[in-house]
Amino acid sequence: MTMDVRELRIGNLTYYGGRVYTIGYYPFSFSGHENDMAHYKPIPLTEEWLLKFGFENYDSLKFSINDLLVVDLHDFTFGVNRFDVCWLDNKNTIHVHQLQNLYFALTGKELEITS
């Protein structure tokens, strides 16, 4: 899967050349490197990544952070506030950069690796 530059923000994590890479700036639209996007690959969101970001496992494959955001790895959905459920059905694999972007949109803060 090739990434779309419009999905990326500074600080997003991707694979580049088989290694985890943090987007530090947007060279793509300014320096003619649009073809470089073929080298960027999304990182599938896994239990390991959720735990790195400080999520807690509370029900099988469901993880929560600060009682704000729920990620269900069984059916690949996001939920906003597990008490006022508003599922955003993705129907595909969830990727790390998507989670980072959603968290930022909800809180105005970056999702940091805590462990």
PDB file of N, CA and C in Angstrom:
ATOM      1  N   MET A   1       0.843  -1.188   0.000  1.00  0.00           N
ATOM      2  CA  MET A   1       0.000   0.000   0.000  1.00  0.00           C
ATOM      3  C   MET A   1       0.880   1.239   0.000  1.00  0.00           C
ATOM      4  N   THR A   2       0.609   2.145  -0.911  1.00  0.00           N
ATOM      5  CA  THR A   2       1.326   3.411  -0.981  1.00  0.00           C
ATOM      6  C   THR A   2       0.565   4.445  -0.160  1.00  0.00           C
ATOM      7  N   MET A   3       1.290   5.290   0.492  1.00  0.00           N
ATOM      8  CA  MET A   3       0.665   6.311   1.328  1.00  0.00           C
ATOM      9  C   MET A   3       0.330   7.542   0.496  1.00  0.00           C
ATOM     10  N   ASP A   4      -0.681   8.251   0.942  1.00  0.00           N
ATOM     11  CA  ASP A   4      -1.097   9.509   0.342  1.00  0.00           C
ATOM     12  C   ASP A   4      -0.548  10.632   1.208  1.00  0.00           C
ATOM     13  N   VAL A   5       0.212  11.530   0.625  1.00  0.00           N
ATOM     14  CA  VAL A   5       0.850  12.604   1.378  1.00  0.00           C
ATOM     15  C   VAL A   5      -0.177  13.434   2.142  1.00  0.00           C
ATOM     16  N   ARG A   6      -1.421  13.479   1.662  1.00  0.00           N
ATOM     17  CA  ARG A   6      -2.451  14.276   2.338  1.00  0.00           C
ATOM     18  C   ARG A   6      -2.852  13.684   3.686  1.00  0.00           C
ATOM     19  N   GLU A   7      -2.494  12.432   3.953  1.00  0.00           N
ATOM     20  CA  GLU A   7      -2.810  11.797   5.231  1.00  0.00           C
ATOM     21  C   GLU A   7      -1.766  12.083   6.298  1.00  0.00           C
ATOM     22  N   LEU A   8      -0.624  12.606   5.895  1.00  0.00           N
ATOM     23  CA  LEU A   8       0.502  12.723   6.820  1.00  0.00           C
ATOM     24  C   LEU A   8       0.616  14.106   7.440  1.00  0.00           C
ATOM     25  N   ARG A   9       1.024  14.097   8.709  1.00  0.00           N
ATOM     26  CA  ARG A   9       1.331  15.313   9.463  1.00  0.00           C
ATOM     27  C   ARG A   9       2.741  15.177  10.008  1.00  0.00           C
ATOM     28  N   ILE A  10       3.344  16.284  10.339  1.00  0.00           N
ATOM     29  CA  ILE A  10       4.639  16.246  11.002  1.00  0.00           C
ATOM     30  C   ILE A  10       4.477  15.452  12.292  1.00  0.00           C
ATOM     31  N   GLY A  11       5.366  14.512  12.536  1.00  0.00           N
ATOM     32  CA  GLY A  11       5.315  13.674  13.722  1.00  0.00           C
ATOM     33  C   GLY A  11       4.706  12.304  13.475  1.00  0.00           C
ATOM     34  N   ASN A  12       4.032  12.107  12.315  1.00  0.00           N
ATOM     35  CA  ASN A  12       3.477  10.791  12.019  1.00  0.00           C
ATOM     36  C   ASN A  12       4.581   9.764  11.828  1.00  0.00           C
ATOM     37  N   LEU A  13       4.285   8.547  12.267  1.00  0.00           N
ATOM     38  CA  LEU A  13       5.215   7.438  12.102  1.00  0.00           C
ATOM     39  C   LEU A  13       4.828   6.621  10.876  1.00  0.00           C
ATOM     40  N   THR A  14       5.814   6.267  10.071  1.00  0.00           N
ATOM     41  CA  THR A  14       5.623   5.432   8.889  1.00  0.00           C
ATOM     42  C   THR A  14       6.800   4.481   8.794  1.00  0.00           C
ATOM     43  N   TYR A  15       6.695   3.543   7.861  1.00  0.00           N
ATOM     44  CA  TYR A  15       7.867   2.754   7.480  1.00  0.00           C
ATOM     45  C   TYR A  15       8.490   3.440   6.272  1.00  0.00           C
ATOM     46  N   TYR A  16       9.789   3.548   6.281  1.00  0.00           N
ATOM     47  CA  TYR A  16      10.527   4.061   5.132  1.00  0.00           C
ATOM     48  C   TYR A  16      11.780   3.213   5.013  1.00  0.00           C
ATOM     49  N   GLY A  17      11.913   2.533   3.906  1.00  0.00           N
ATOM     50  CA  GLY A  17      13.070   1.658   3.725  1.00  0.00           C
ATOM     51  C   GLY A  17      13.120   0.539   4.750  1.00  0.00           C
ATOM     52  N   GLY A  18      11.941   0.084   5.210  1.00  0.00           N
ATOM     53  CA  GLY A  18      11.882  -1.018   6.163  1.00  0.00           C
ATOM     54  C   GLY A  18      12.107  -0.624   7.616  1.00  0.00           C
ATOM     55  N   ARG A  19      12.282   0.656   7.885  1.00  0.00           N
ATOM     56  CA  ARG A  19      12.507   1.132   9.254  1.00  0.00           C
ATOM     57  C   ARG A  19      11.424   2.128   9.636  1.00  0.00           C
ATOM     58  N   VAL A  20      11.180   2.256  10.946  1.00  0.00           N
ATOM     59  CA  VAL A  20      10.222   3.245  11.419  1.00  0.00           C
ATOM     60  C   VAL A  20      10.836   4.630  11.217  1.00  0.00           C
ATOM     61  N   TYR A  21      10.050   5.508  10.619  1.00  0.00           N
ATOM     62  CA  TYR A  21      10.512   6.851  10.272  1.00  0.00           C
ATOM     63  C   TYR A  21       9.484   7.859  10.777  1.00  0.00           C
ATOM     64  N   THR A  22       9.939   8.945  11.360  1.00  0.00           N
ATOM     65  CA  THR A  22       9.062  10.024  11.811  1.00  0.00           C
ATOM     66  C   THR A  22       9.085  11.135  10.782  1.00  0.00           C
ATOM     67  N   ILE A  23       7.897  11.515  10.300  1.00  0.00           N
ATOM     68  CA  ILE A  23       7.801  12.611   9.337  1.00  0.00           C
ATOM     69  C   ILE A  23       8.218  13.888  10.050  1.00  0.00           C
ATOM     70  N   GLY A  24       9.251  14.542   9.532  1.00  0.00           N
ATOM     71  CA  GLY A  24       9.767  15.744  10.183  1.00  0.00           C
ATOM     72  C   GLY A  24       9.399  17.020   9.459  1.00  0.00           C
ATOM     73  N   TYR A  25       9.102  16.917   8.178  1.00  0.00           N
ATOM     74  CA  TYR A  25       8.708  18.075   7.390  1.00  0.00           C
ATOM     75  C   TYR A  25       8.087  17.548   6.108  1.00  0.00           C
ATOM     76  N   TYR A  26       7.503  18.423   5.334  1.00  0.00           N
ATOM     77  CA  TYR A  26       6.832  18.020   4.100  1.00  0.00           C
ATOM     78  C   TYR A  26       7.660  18.397   2.875  1.00  0.00           C
ATOM     79  N   PRO A  27       8.547  17.529   2.440  1.00  0.00           N
ATOM     80  CA  PRO A  27       9.335  17.857   1.250  1.00  0.00           C
ATOM     81  C   PRO A  27       8.584  17.552  -0.044  1.00  0.00           C
ATOM     82  N   PHE A  28       7.486  16.816   0.057  1.00  0.00           N
ATOM     83  CA  PHE A  28       6.872  16.223  -1.120  1.00  0.00           C
ATOM     84  C   PHE A  28       6.336  17.239  -2.108  1.00  0.00           C
ATOM     85  N   SER A  29       5.597  18.214  -1.660  1.00  0.00           N
ATOM     86  CA  SER A  29       4.977  19.145  -2.595  1.00  0.00           C
ATOM     87  C   SER A  29       5.886  20.335  -2.912  1.00  0.00           C
ATOM     88  N   PHE A  30       6.979  20.473  -2.175  1.00  0.00           N
ATOM     89  CA  PHE A  30       7.831  21.634  -2.387  1.00  0.00           C
ATOM     90  C   PHE A  30       9.093  21.329  -3.187  1.00  0.00           C
ATOM     91  N   SER A  31       9.537  20.086  -3.168  1.00  0.00           N
ATOM     92  CA  SER A  31      10.819  19.811  -3.812  1.00  0.00           C
ATOM     93  C   SER A  31      10.726  18.769  -4.915  1.00  0.00           C
ATOM     94  N   GLY A  32       9.517  18.459  -5.349  1.00  0.00           N
ATOM     95  CA  GLY A  32       9.374  17.543  -6.469  1.00  0.00           C
ATOM     96  C   GLY A  32       9.638  16.094  -6.124  1.00  0.00           C
ATOM     97  N   HIS A  33       9.495  15.724  -4.844  1.00  0.00           N
ATOM     98  CA  HIS A  33       9.764  14.352  -4.434  1.00  0.00           C
ATOM     99  C   HIS A  33       8.496  13.515  -4.313  1.00  0.00           C
ATOM    100  N   GLU A  34       7.462  13.838  -5.081  1.00  0.00           N
ATOM    101  CA  GLU A  34       6.213  13.106  -4.988  1.00  0.00           C
ATOM    102  C   GLU A  34       6.421  11.614  -5.218  1.00  0.00           C
ATOM    103  N   ASN A  35       7.361  11.257  -6.081  1.00  0.00           N
ATOM    104  CA  ASN A  35       7.624   9.845  -6.371  1.00  0.00           C
ATOM    105  C   ASN A  35       8.214   9.110  -5.176  1.00  0.00           C
ATOM    106  N   ASP A  36       8.784   9.839  -4.237  1.00  0.00           N
ATOM    107  CA  ASP A  36       9.331   9.221  -3.027  1.00  0.00           C
ATOM    108  C   ASP A  36       8.239   8.589  -2.178  1.00  0.00           C
ATOM    109  N   MET A  37       6.997   8.988  -2.350  1.00  0.00           N
ATOM    110  CA  MET A  37       5.904   8.429  -1.547  1.00  0.00           C
ATOM    111  C   MET A  37       5.808   6.920  -1.713  1.00  0.00           C
ATOM    112  N   ALA A  38       6.273   6.382  -2.814  1.00  0.00           N
ATOM    113  CA  ALA A  38       6.241   4.936  -3.019  1.00  0.00           C
ATOM    114  C   ALA A  38       7.109   4.215  -1.988  1.00  0.00           C
ATOM    115  N   HIS A  39       8.045   4.919  -1.376  1.00  0.00           N
ATOM    116  CA  HIS A  39       8.934   4.319  -0.378  1.00  0.00           C
ATOM    117  C   HIS A  39       8.355   4.360   1.032  1.00  0.00           C
ATOM    118  N   TYR A  40       7.314   5.155   1.246  1.00  0.00           N
ATOM    119  CA  TYR A  40       6.671   5.262   2.554  1.00  0.00           C
ATOM    120  C   TYR A  40       5.546   4.251   2.638  1.00  0.00           C
ATOM    121  N   LYS A  41       5.499   3.506   3.717  1.00  0.00           N
ATOM    122  CA  LYS A  41       4.462   2.500   3.920  1.00  0.00           C
ATOM    123  C   LYS A  41       3.806   2.740   5.276  1.00  0.00           C
ATOM    124  N   PRO A  42       2.486   2.561   5.363  1.00  0.00           N
ATOM    125  CA  PRO A  42       1.819   2.732   6.652  1.00  0.00           C
ATOM    126  C   PRO A  42       2.179   1.603   7.610  1.00  0.00           C
ATOM    127  N   ILE A  43       2.214   1.905   8.888  1.00  0.00           N
ATOM    128  CA  ILE A  43       2.495   0.908   9.924  1.00  0.00           C
ATOM    129  C   ILE A  43       1.155   0.384  10.432  1.00  0.00           C
ATOM    130  N   PRO A  44       0.884  -0.916  10.271  1.00  0.00           N
ATOM    131  CA  PRO A  44      -0.371  -1.459  10.815  1.00  0.00           C
ATOM    132  C   PRO A  44      -0.404  -1.294  12.331  1.00  0.00           C
ATOM    133  N   LEU A  45      -1.557  -0.894  12.843  1.00  0.00           N
ATOM    134  CA  LEU A  45      -1.714  -0.700  14.282  1.00  0.00           C
ATOM    135  C   LEU A  45      -1.900  -2.057  14.942  1.00  0.00           C
ATOM    136  N   THR A  46      -1.061  -2.339  15.920  1.00  0.00           N
ATOM    137  CA  THR A  46      -1.093  -3.607  16.638  1.00  0.00           C
ATOM    138  C   THR A  46      -1.191  -3.339  18.134  1.00  0.00           C
ATOM    139  N   GLU A  47      -1.398  -4.405  18.877  1.00  0.00           N
ATOM    140  CA  GLU A  47      -1.424  -4.303  20.339  1.00  0.00           C
ATOM    141  C   GLU A  47      -0.117  -3.700  20.842  1.00  0.00           C
ATOM    142  N   GLU A  48       0.989  -4.108  20.266  1.00  0.00           N
ATOM    143  CA  GLU A  48       2.291  -3.589  20.686  1.00  0.00           C
ATOM    144  C   GLU A  48       2.363  -2.062  20.533  1.00  0.00           C
ATOM    145  N   TRP A  49       1.876  -1.527  19.407  1.00  0.00           N
ATOM    146  CA  TRP A  49       1.902  -0.081  19.199  1.00  0.00           C
ATOM    147  C   TRP A  49       0.984   0.626  20.183  1.00  0.00           C
ATOM    148  N   LEU A  50      -0.204   0.075  20.415  1.00  0.00           N
ATOM    149  CA  LEU A  50      -1.130   0.698  21.358  1.00  0.00           C
ATOM    150  C   LEU A  50      -0.522   0.796  22.747  1.00  0.00           C
ATOM    151  N   LEU A  51       0.132  -0.264  23.181  1.00  0.00           N
ATOM    152  CA  LEU A  51       0.767  -0.252  24.500  1.00  0.00           C
ATOM    153  C   LEU A  51       1.908   0.764  24.544  1.00  0.00           C
ATOM    154  N   LYS A  52       2.656   0.900  23.444  1.00  0.00           N
ATOM    155  CA  LYS A  52       3.726   1.903  23.382  1.00  0.00           C
ATOM    156  C   LYS A  52       3.177   3.312  23.559  1.00  0.00           C
ATOM    157  N   PHE A  53       1.964   3.547  23.042  1.00  0.00           N
ATOM    158  CA  PHE A  53       1.342   4.862  23.138  1.00  0.00           C
ATOM    159  C   PHE A  53       0.615   5.081  24.452  1.00  0.00           C
ATOM    160  N   GLY A  54       0.630   4.097  25.339  1.00  0.00           N
ATOM    161  CA  GLY A  54       0.016   4.275  26.650  1.00  0.00           C
ATOM    162  C   GLY A  54      -1.426   3.814  26.751  1.00  0.00           C
ATOM    163  N   PHE A  55      -1.925   3.119  25.732  1.00  0.00           N
ATOM    164  CA  PHE A  55      -3.277   2.566  25.804  1.00  0.00           C
ATOM    165  C   PHE A  55      -3.275   1.395  26.779  1.00  0.00           C
ATOM    166  N   GLU A  56      -4.418   1.154  27.390  1.00  0.00           N
ATOM    167  CA  GLU A  56      -4.570   0.026  28.307  1.00  0.00           C
ATOM    168  C   GLU A  56      -5.571  -0.951  27.730  1.00  0.00           C
ATOM    169  N   ASN A  57      -5.259  -2.232  27.844  1.00  0.00           N
ATOM    170  CA  ASN A  57      -6.163  -3.275  27.383  1.00  0.00           C
ATOM    171  C   ASN A  57      -7.248  -3.440  28.423  1.00  0.00           C
ATOM    172  N   TYR A  58      -8.521  -3.331  28.006  1.00  0.00           N
ATOM    173  CA  TYR A  58      -9.586  -3.477  28.991  1.00  0.00           C
ATOM    174  C   TYR A  58     -10.593  -4.556  28.629  1.00  0.00           C
ATOM    175  N   ASP A  59     -10.563  -5.088  27.410  1.00  0.00           N
ATOM    176  CA  ASP A  59     -11.520  -6.120  27.043  1.00  0.00           C
ATOM    177  C   ASP A  59     -11.040  -6.814  25.774  1.00  0.00           C
ATOM    178  N   SER A  60     -10.374  -7.941  25.933  1.00  0.00           N
ATOM    179  CA  SER A  60      -9.895  -8.724  24.801  1.00  0.00           C
ATOM    180  C   SER A  60      -9.035  -7.867  23.882  1.00  0.00           C
ATOM    181  N   LEU A  61      -9.529  -7.524  22.706  1.00  0.00           N
ATOM    182  CA  LEU A  61      -8.749  -6.734  21.765  1.00  0.00           C
ATOM    183  C   LEU A  61      -9.152  -5.260  21.757  1.00  0.00           C
ATOM    184  N   LYS A  62      -9.757  -4.791  22.853  1.00  0.00           N
ATOM    185  CA  LYS A  62     -10.131  -3.381  22.973  1.00  0.00           C
ATOM    186  C   LYS A  62      -9.154  -2.669  23.894  1.00  0.00           C
ATOM    187  N   PHE A  63      -8.731  -1.496  23.463  1.00  0.00           N
ATOM    188  CA  PHE A  63      -7.750  -0.709  24.195  1.00  0.00           C
ATOM    189  C   PHE A  63      -8.272   0.705  24.343  1.00  0.00           C
ATOM    190  N   SER A  64      -7.962   1.338  25.481  1.00  0.00           N
ATOM    191  CA  SER A  64      -8.457   2.672  25.768  1.00  0.00           C
ATOM    192  C   SER A  64      -7.329   3.539  26.297  1.00  0.00           C
ATOM    193  N   ILE A  65      -7.447   4.838  26.039  1.00  0.00           N
ATOM    194  CA  ILE A  65      -6.513   5.800  26.598  1.00  0.00           C
ATOM    195  C   ILE A  65      -7.314   6.938  27.207  1.00  0.00           C
ATOM    196  N   ASN A  66      -7.067   7.206  28.475  1.00  0.00           N
ATOM    197  CA  ASN A  66      -7.691   8.320  29.201  1.00  0.00           C
ATOM    198  C   ASN A  66      -9.212   8.324  29.113  1.00  0.00           C
ATOM    199  N   ASP A  67      -9.830   7.170  29.007  1.00  0.00           N
ATOM    200  CA  ASP A  67     -11.295   7.071  28.863  1.00  0.00           C
ATOM    201  C   ASP A  67     -11.830   7.954  27.735  1.00  0.00           C
ATOM    202  N   LEU A  68     -10.979   8.268  26.778  1.00  0.00           N
ATOM    203  CA  LEU A  68     -11.365   9.134  25.670  1.00  0.00           C
ATOM    204  C   LEU A  68     -11.538   8.348  24.382  1.00  0.00           C
ATOM    205  N   LEU A  69     -10.545   7.558  24.063  1.00  0.00           N
ATOM    206  CA  LEU A  69     -10.492   6.909  22.763  1.00  0.00           C
ATOM    207  C   LEU A  69     -10.357   5.415  22.945  1.00  0.00           C
ATOM    208  N   VAL A  70     -11.170   4.659  22.210  1.00  0.00           N
ATOM    209  CA  VAL A  70     -11.125   3.206  22.241  1.00  0.00           C
ATOM    210  C   VAL A  70     -10.737   2.710  20.856  1.00  0.00           C
ATOM    211  N   VAL A  71      -9.850   1.741  20.817  1.00  0.00           N
ATOM    212  CA  VAL A  71      -9.483   1.087  19.571  1.00  0.00           C
ATOM    213  C   VAL A  71      -9.822  -0.386  19.726  1.00  0.00           C
ATOM    214  N   ASP A  72     -10.584  -0.912  18.783  1.00  0.00           N
ATOM    215  CA  ASP A  72     -10.949  -2.327  18.770  1.00  0.00           C
ATOM    216  C   ASP A  72     -10.200  -2.993  17.625  1.00  0.00           C
ATOM    217  N   LEU A  73      -9.206  -3.798  17.957  1.00  0.00           N
ATOM    218  CA  LEU A  73      -8.406  -4.457  16.934  1.00  0.00           C
ATOM    219  C   LEU A  73      -9.105  -5.671  16.336  1.00  0.00           C
ATOM    220  N   HIS A  74     -10.212  -6.092  16.941  1.00  0.00           N
ATOM    221  CA  HIS A  74     -10.955  -7.232  16.395  1.00  0.00           C
ATOM    222  C   HIS A  74     -11.679  -6.842  15.104  1.00  0.00           C
ATOM    223  N   ASP A  75     -12.385  -5.724  15.145  1.00  0.00           N
ATOM    224  CA  ASP A  75     -13.118  -5.311  13.948  1.00  0.00           C
ATOM    225  C   ASP A  75     -12.583  -4.006  13.347  1.00  0.00           C
ATOM    226  N   PHE A  76     -11.401  -3.595  13.799  1.00  0.00           N
ATOM    227  CA  PHE A  76     -10.715  -2.426  13.258  1.00  0.00           C
ATOM    228  C   PHE A  76     -11.589  -1.169  13.289  1.00  0.00           C
ATOM    229  N   THR A  77     -12.033  -0.805  14.479  1.00  0.00           N
ATOM    230  CA  THR A  77     -12.829   0.403  14.634  1.00  0.00           C
ATOM    231  C   THR A  77     -12.232   1.287  15.720  1.00  0.00           C
ATOM    232  N   PHE A  78     -12.514   2.579  15.618  1.00  0.00           N
ATOM    233  CA  PHE A  78     -12.187   3.551  16.646  1.00  0.00           C
ATOM    234  C   PHE A  78     -13.480   3.881  17.370  1.00  0.00           C
ATOM    235  N   GLY A  79     -13.394   4.197  18.623  1.00  0.00           N
ATOM    236  CA  GLY A  79     -14.553   4.695  19.364  1.00  0.00           C
ATOM    237  C   GLY A  79     -14.135   5.901  20.167  1.00  0.00           C
ATOM    238  N   VAL A  80     -15.008   6.882  20.223  1.00  0.00           N
ATOM    239  CA  VAL A  80     -14.719   8.085  20.990  1.00  0.00           C
ATOM    240  C   VAL A  80     -15.492   7.990  22.292  1.00  0.00           C
ATOM    241  N   ASN A  81     -14.766   7.970  23.409  1.00  0.00           N
ATOM    242  CA  ASN A  81     -15.329   7.867  24.751  1.00  0.00           C
ATOM    243  C   ASN A  81     -16.178   6.603  24.874  1.00  0.00           C
ATOM    244  N   ARG A  82     -15.653   5.631  25.566  1.00  0.00           N
ATOM    245  CA  ARG A  82     -16.332   4.326  25.623  1.00  0.00           C
ATOM    246  C   ARG A  82     -17.706   4.392  26.273  1.00  0.00           C
ATOM    247  N   PHE A  83     -18.046   5.486  26.905  1.00  0.00           N
ATOM    248  CA  PHE A  83     -19.357   5.613  27.525  1.00  0.00           C
ATOM    249  C   PHE A  83     -20.364   6.280  26.582  1.00  0.00           C
ATOM    250  N   ASP A  84     -19.904   7.150  25.720  1.00  0.00           N
ATOM    251  CA  ASP A  84     -20.739   7.753  24.679  1.00  0.00           C
ATOM    252  C   ASP A  84     -20.187   7.255  23.348  1.00  0.00           C
ATOM    253  N   VAL A  85     -20.529   6.054  23.027  1.00  0.00           N
ATOM    254  CA  VAL A  85     -19.883   5.393  21.889  1.00  0.00           C
ATOM    255  C   VAL A  85     -20.281   6.055  20.577  1.00  0.00           C
ATOM    256  N   CYS A  86     -19.290   6.384  19.824  1.00  0.00           N
ATOM    257  CA  CYS A  86     -19.459   6.952  18.490  1.00  0.00           C
ATOM    258  C   CYS A  86     -18.406   6.272  17.617  1.00  0.00           C
ATOM    259  N   TRP A  87     -18.728   5.129  17.087  1.00  0.00           N
ATOM    260  CA  TRP A  87     -17.733   4.346  16.351  1.00  0.00           C
ATOM    261  C   TRP A  87     -17.473   4.931  14.980  1.00  0.00           C
ATOM    262  N   LEU A  88     -16.232   5.008  14.643  1.00  0.00           N
ATOM    263  CA  LEU A  88     -15.823   5.426  13.311  1.00  0.00           C
ATOM    264  C   LEU A  88     -15.348   4.171  12.600  1.00  0.00           C
ATOM    265  N   ASP A  89     -16.210   3.571  11.825  1.00  0.00           N
ATOM    266  CA  ASP A  89     -15.927   2.268  11.224  1.00  0.00           C
ATOM    267  C   ASP A  89     -14.958   2.419  10.063  1.00  0.00           C
ATOM    268  N   ASN A  90     -13.824   1.786  10.181  1.00  0.00           N
ATOM    269  CA  ASN A  90     -12.791   1.870   9.164  1.00  0.00           C
ATOM    270  C   ASN A  90     -12.861   0.699   8.188  1.00  0.00           C
ATOM    271  N   LYS A  91     -13.314  -0.472   8.618  1.00  0.00           N
ATOM    272  CA  LYS A  91     -13.452  -1.684   7.814  1.00  0.00           C
ATOM    273  C   LYS A  91     -12.162  -2.129   7.140  1.00  0.00           C
ATOM    274  N   ASN A  92     -11.079  -1.556   7.501  1.00  0.00           N
ATOM    275  CA  ASN A  92      -9.776  -1.947   6.993  1.00  0.00           C
ATOM    276  C   ASN A  92      -8.814  -1.959   8.166  1.00  0.00           C
ATOM    277  N   THR A  93      -7.601  -2.352   7.891  1.00  0.00           N
ATOM    278  CA  THR A  93      -6.579  -2.279   8.920  1.00  0.00           C
ATOM    279  C   THR A  93      -6.399  -0.826   9.333  1.00  0.00           C
ATOM    280  N   ILE A  94      -6.314  -0.599  10.621  1.00  0.00           N
ATOM    281  CA  ILE A  94      -6.040   0.736  11.145  1.00  0.00           C
ATOM    282  C   ILE A  94      -4.520   0.916  11.150  1.00  0.00           C
ATOM    283  N   HIS A  95      -4.061   2.102  10.789  1.00  0.00           N
ATOM    284  CA  HIS A  95      -2.633   2.376  10.756  1.00  0.00           C
ATOM    285  C   HIS A  95      -2.253   3.382  11.842  1.00  0.00           C
ATOM    286  N   VAL A  96      -0.989   3.313  12.240  1.00  0.00           N
ATOM    287  CA  VAL A  96      -0.476   4.155  13.316  1.00  0.00           C
ATOM    288  C   VAL A  96      -0.718   5.632  13.016  1.00  0.00           C
ATOM    289  N   HIS A  97      -0.442   6.078  11.798  1.00  0.00           N
ATOM    290  CA  HIS A  97      -0.608   7.510  11.499  1.00  0.00           C
ATOM    291  C   HIS A  97      -2.072   7.936  11.595  1.00  0.00           C
ATOM    292  N   GLN A  98      -3.016   7.049  11.295  1.00  0.00           N
ATOM    293  CA  GLN A  98      -4.431   7.381  11.427  1.00  0.00           C
ATOM    294  C   GLN A  98      -4.801   7.599  12.894  1.00  0.00           C
ATOM    295  N   LEU A  99      -4.290   6.725  13.760  1.00  0.00           N
ATOM    296  CA  LEU A  99      -4.528   6.883  15.186  1.00  0.00           C
ATOM    297  C   LEU A  99      -3.910   8.181  15.688  1.00  0.00           C
ATOM    298  N   GLN A 100      -2.689   8.480  15.265  1.00  0.00           N
ATOM    299  CA  GLN A 100      -2.039   9.723  15.670  1.00  0.00           C
ATOM    300  C   GLN A 100      -2.868  10.934  15.241  1.00  0.00           C
ATOM    301  N   ASN A 101      -3.376  10.912  14.025  1.00  0.00           N
ATOM    302  CA  ASN A 101      -4.152  12.040  13.514  1.00  0.00           C
ATOM    303  C   ASN A 101      -5.478  12.192  14.246  1.00  0.00           C
ATOM    304  N   LEU A 102      -6.154  11.073  14.527  1.00  0.00           N
ATOM    305  CA  LEU A 102      -7.421  11.130  15.245  1.00  0.00           C
ATOM    306  C   LEU A 102      -7.214  11.651  16.666  1.00  0.00           C
ATOM    307  N   TYR A 103      -6.197  11.148  17.340  1.00  0.00           N
ATOM    308  CA  TYR A 103      -5.907  11.598  18.699  1.00  0.00           C
ATOM    309  C   TYR A 103      -5.632  13.102  18.711  1.00  0.00           C
ATOM    310  N   PHE A 104      -4.840  13.575  17.752  1.00  0.00           N
ATOM    311  CA  PHE A 104      -4.538  15.004  17.684  1.00  0.00           C
ATOM    312  C   PHE A 104      -5.803  15.814  17.417  1.00  0.00           C
ATOM    313  N   ALA A 105      -6.657  15.319  16.533  1.00  0.00           N
ATOM    314  CA  ALA A 105      -7.901  16.036  16.223  1.00  0.00           C
ATOM    315  C   ALA A 105      -8.803  16.134  17.452  1.00  0.00           C
ATOM    316  N   LEU A 106      -8.811  15.102  18.289  1.00  0.00           N
ATOM    317  CA  LEU A 106      -9.678  15.092  19.473  1.00  0.00           C
ATOM    318  C   LEU A 106      -9.116  15.904  20.636  1.00  0.00           C
ATOM    319  N   THR A 107      -7.791  15.906  20.781  1.00  0.00           N
ATOM    320  CA  THR A 107      -7.192  16.492  21.981  1.00  0.00           C
ATOM    321  C   THR A 107      -6.341  17.736  21.723  1.00  0.00           C
ATOM    322  N   GLY A 108      -5.885  17.912  20.490  1.00  0.00           N
ATOM    323  CA  GLY A 108      -4.946  19.003  20.202  1.00  0.00           C
ATOM    324  C   GLY A 108      -3.541  18.699  20.669  1.00  0.00           C
ATOM    325  N   LYS A 109      -3.323  17.444  21.096  1.00  0.00           N
ATOM    326  CA  LYS A 109      -2.002  17.021  21.591  1.00  0.00           C
ATOM    327  C   LYS A 109      -1.504  15.859  20.744  1.00  0.00           C
ATOM    328  N   GLU A 110      -0.173  15.737  20.684  1.00  0.00           N
ATOM    329  CA  GLU A 110       0.433  14.625  19.961  1.00  0.00           C
ATOM    330  C   GLU A 110       0.322  13.344  20.809  1.00  0.00           C
ATOM    331  N   LEU A 111       0.146  12.233  20.157  1.00  0.00           N
ATOM    332  CA  LEU A 111       0.156  10.931  20.804  1.00  0.00           C
ATOM    333  C   LEU A 111       1.614  10.501  20.906  1.00  0.00           C
ATOM    334  N   GLU A 112       2.124  10.459  22.121  1.00  0.00           N
ATOM    335  CA  GLU A 112       3.544  10.196  22.364  1.00  0.00           C
ATOM    336  C   GLU A 112       3.782   8.736  22.721  1.00  0.00           C
ATOM    337  N   ILE A 113       4.929   8.214  22.320  1.00  0.00           N
ATOM    338  CA  ILE A 113       5.338   6.882  22.761  1.00  0.00           C
ATOM    339  C   ILE A 113       5.759   7.002  24.220  1.00  0.00           C
ATOM    340  N   THR A 114       5.138   6.190  25.087  1.00  0.00           N
ATOM    341  CA  THR A 114       5.419   6.286  26.520  1.00  0.00           C
ATOM    342  C   THR A 114       6.281   5.152  27.014  1.00  0.00           C
ATOM    343  N   SER A 115       6.347   4.065  26.267  1.00  0.00           N
ATOM    344  CA  SER A 115       7.173   2.922  26.722  1.00  0.00           C
ATOM    345  C   SER A 115       7.910   2.294  25.585  1.00  0.00           C
TER     346      SER A 115
END
